[in-house]
Each structure stands twice: as structure tokens, then as C-alpha cells.
């Protein structure tokens, strides 16, 4: 990720509660997916959970990207 986007991400983490909550949720999904991936013999329920979490994690990532893009575009129009 380039420096400008990384700086914007850090700024949003400190100032935008919606972005911050999405990032936390993304982290929780990632942590649980890591746990599930480490299972040698996951149950059917765990495999289903993994599939659902991957979709939710991607949806959250998309929401975060939309916020980043919106702020990036508004910052570029200000300059």
C-alpha cells in the first residue's frame, strides 16, 4: 500500500469511528479464520463457519475500501 493511502488509513483509524469498528471486526474475523485454519479435522459446522466468515470479512474489507476511496477523493478535490 502506498504511503498516502497508509497515512489516510491511520487517520481514519484515529478519527472515524465507523472505519475503526470495521477494522476491529475485520481483525476478529481474521483471528477466528486463523484458528479454524489450524484445525486438523474441522467439523462440518466449522467448515461452514469458515466459509461464512470469509464472506463477511470480504464484505467488511469492501466497506473499508469504500470509505478510504471516498476520503481519498474528497482530499484530492480539496487540494
C-alpha atoms as a PDB file:
ATOM      1  CA  UNK A   1       0.000   0.000   0.000  1.00  0.00           C
ATOM      2  CA  UNK A   2       1.406   3.389  -0.872  1.00  0.00           C
ATOM      3  CA  UNK A   3       2.301   5.925   1.791  1.00  0.00           C
ATOM      4  CA  UNK A   4      -0.607   8.280   1.073  1.00  0.00           C
ATOM      5  CA  UNK A   5      -3.205   5.534   1.476  1.00  0.00           C
ATOM      6  CA  UNK A   6      -1.453   4.193   4.565  1.00  0.00           C
ATOM      7  CA  UNK A   7      -1.485   7.673   6.117  1.00  0.00           C
ATOM      8  CA  UNK A   8      -5.167   8.050   5.253  1.00  0.00           C
ATOM      9  CA  UNK A   9      -5.899   4.660   6.800  1.00  0.00           C
ATOM     10  CA  UNK A  10      -4.110   5.689  10.011  1.00  0.00           C
ATOM     11  CA  UNK A  11      -6.010   8.982  10.071  1.00  0.00           C
ATOM     12  CA  UNK A  12      -9.332   7.190   9.627  1.00  0.00           C
ATOM     13  CA  UNK A  13      -8.435   4.743  12.396  1.00  0.00           C
ATOM     14  CA  UNK A  14      -7.983   7.648  14.784  1.00  0.00           C
ATOM     15  CA  UNK A  15     -10.852   9.883  13.631  1.00  0.00           C
ATOM     16  CA  UNK A  16     -13.573   7.773  12.001  1.00  0.00           C
ATOM     17  CA  UNK A  17     -15.476   5.523  14.402  1.00  0.00           C
ATOM     18  CA  UNK A  18     -17.184   3.593  11.587  1.00  0.00           C
ATOM     19  CA  UNK A  19     -13.858   2.797   9.911  1.00  0.00           C
ATOM     20  CA  UNK A  20     -12.294   1.878  13.262  1.00  0.00           C
ATOM     21  CA  UNK A  21     -15.144  -0.526  14.084  1.00  0.00           C
ATOM     22  CA  UNK A  22     -14.935  -2.126  10.645  1.00  0.00           C
ATOM     23  CA  UNK A  23     -11.193  -2.619  11.123  1.00  0.00           C
ATOM     24  CA  UNK A  24     -11.789  -4.259  14.513  1.00  0.00           C
ATOM     25  CA  UNK A  25     -14.421  -6.540  13.036  1.00  0.00           C
ATOM     26  CA  UNK A  26     -12.072  -7.446  10.169  1.00  0.00           C
ATOM     27  CA  UNK A  27      -9.400  -8.323  12.731  1.00  0.00           C
ATOM     28  CA  UNK A  28     -11.796 -10.516  14.716  1.00  0.00           C
ATOM     29  CA  UNK A  29     -12.789 -12.373  11.558  1.00  0.00           C
ATOM     30  CA  UNK A  30      -9.121 -12.823  10.630  1.00  0.00           C
ATOM     31  CA  UNK A  31      -8.262 -14.171  14.088  1.00  0.00           C
ATOM     32  CA  UNK A  32     -11.112 -16.698  14.018  1.00  0.00           C
ATOM     33  CA  UNK A  33     -10.238 -17.753  10.462  1.00  0.00           C
ATOM     34  CA  UNK A  34      -6.663 -18.369  11.606  1.00  0.00           C
ATOM     35  CA  UNK A  35      -7.994 -20.576  14.419  1.00  0.00           C
ATOM     36  CA  UNK A  36     -10.212 -22.502  12.029  1.00  0.00           C
ATOM     37  CA  UNK A  37      -7.388 -22.940   9.502  1.00  0.00           C
ATOM     38  CA  UNK A  38      -5.211 -24.517  12.173  1.00  0.00           C
ATOM     39  CA  UNK A  39      -7.701 -27.330  12.837  1.00  0.00           C
ATOM     40  CA  UNK A  40      -6.513 -30.659  11.502  1.00  0.00           C
ATOM     41  CA  UNK A  41     -10.022 -32.080  11.150  1.00  0.00           C
ATOM     42  CA  UNK A  42     -12.639 -29.324  11.148  1.00  0.00           C
ATOM     43  CA  UNK A  43     -16.242 -30.351  11.626  1.00  0.00           C
ATOM     44  CA  UNK A  44     -18.913 -29.564   9.071  1.00  0.00           C
ATOM     45  CA  UNK A  45     -20.054 -26.702  11.322  1.00  0.00           C
ATOM     46  CA  UNK A  46     -16.522 -25.283  11.472  1.00  0.00           C
ATOM     47  CA  UNK A  47     -16.128 -25.506   7.695  1.00  0.00           C
ATOM     48  CA  UNK A  48     -19.436 -23.685   7.267  1.00  0.00           C
ATOM     49  CA  UNK A  49     -18.338 -21.051   9.782  1.00  0.00           C
ATOM     50  CA  UNK A  50     -15.094 -20.580   7.850  1.00  0.00           C
ATOM     51  CA  UNK A  51     -16.983 -20.043   4.604  1.00  0.00           C
ATOM     52  CA  UNK A  52     -19.371 -17.535   6.183  1.00  0.00           C
ATOM     53  CA  UNK A  53     -16.533 -15.655   7.906  1.00  0.00           C
ATOM     54  CA  UNK A  54     -14.574 -15.345   4.662  1.00  0.00           C
ATOM     55  CA  UNK A  55     -17.574 -13.712   3.018  1.00  0.00           C
ATOM     56  CA  UNK A  56     -18.180 -11.395   5.964  1.00  0.00           C
ATOM     57  CA  UNK A  57     -14.500 -10.453   6.111  1.00  0.00           C
ATOM     58  CA  UNK A  58     -14.517  -9.597   2.412  1.00  0.00           C
ATOM     59  CA  UNK A  59     -17.678  -7.507   2.806  1.00  0.00           C
ATOM     60  CA  UNK A  60     -16.077  -5.563   5.669  1.00  0.00           C
ATOM     61  CA  UNK A  61     -12.923  -5.057   3.618  1.00  0.00           C
ATOM     62  CA  UNK A  62     -15.054  -3.706   0.757  1.00  0.00           C
ATOM     63  CA  UNK A  63     -16.775  -1.272   3.143  1.00  0.00           C
ATOM     64  CA  UNK A  64     -13.402  -0.101   4.448  1.00  0.00           C
ATOM     65  CA  UNK A  65     -12.152   0.384   0.899  1.00  0.00           C
ATOM     66  CA  UNK A  66     -15.223   2.452   0.019  1.00  0.00           C
ATOM     67  CA  UNK A  67     -14.557   4.735   2.986  1.00  0.00           C
ATOM     68  CA  UNK A  68     -10.880   5.033   2.025  1.00  0.00           C
ATOM     69  CA  UNK A  69     -11.788   5.846  -1.559  1.00  0.00           C
ATOM     70  CA  UNK A  70     -14.386   8.408  -0.522  1.00  0.00           C
ATOM     71  CA  UNK A  71     -11.939  10.190   1.776  1.00  0.00           C
ATOM     72  CA  UNK A  72      -9.141   9.965  -0.764  1.00  0.00           C
ATOM     73  CA  UNK A  73     -11.320  11.550  -3.435  1.00  0.00           C
ATOM     74  CA  UNK A  74     -12.538  14.295  -1.131  1.00  0.00           C
ATOM     75  CA  UNK A  75      -8.958  15.042  -0.084  1.00  0.00           C
ATOM     76  CA  UNK A  76      -7.844  15.279  -3.710  1.00  0.00           C
ATOM     77  CA  UNK A  77     -10.643  17.712  -4.584  1.00  0.00           C
ATOM     78  CA  UNK A  78      -9.637  19.960  -1.673  1.00  0.00           C
ATOM     79  CA  UNK A  79      -6.099  20.336  -3.000  1.00  0.00           C
END
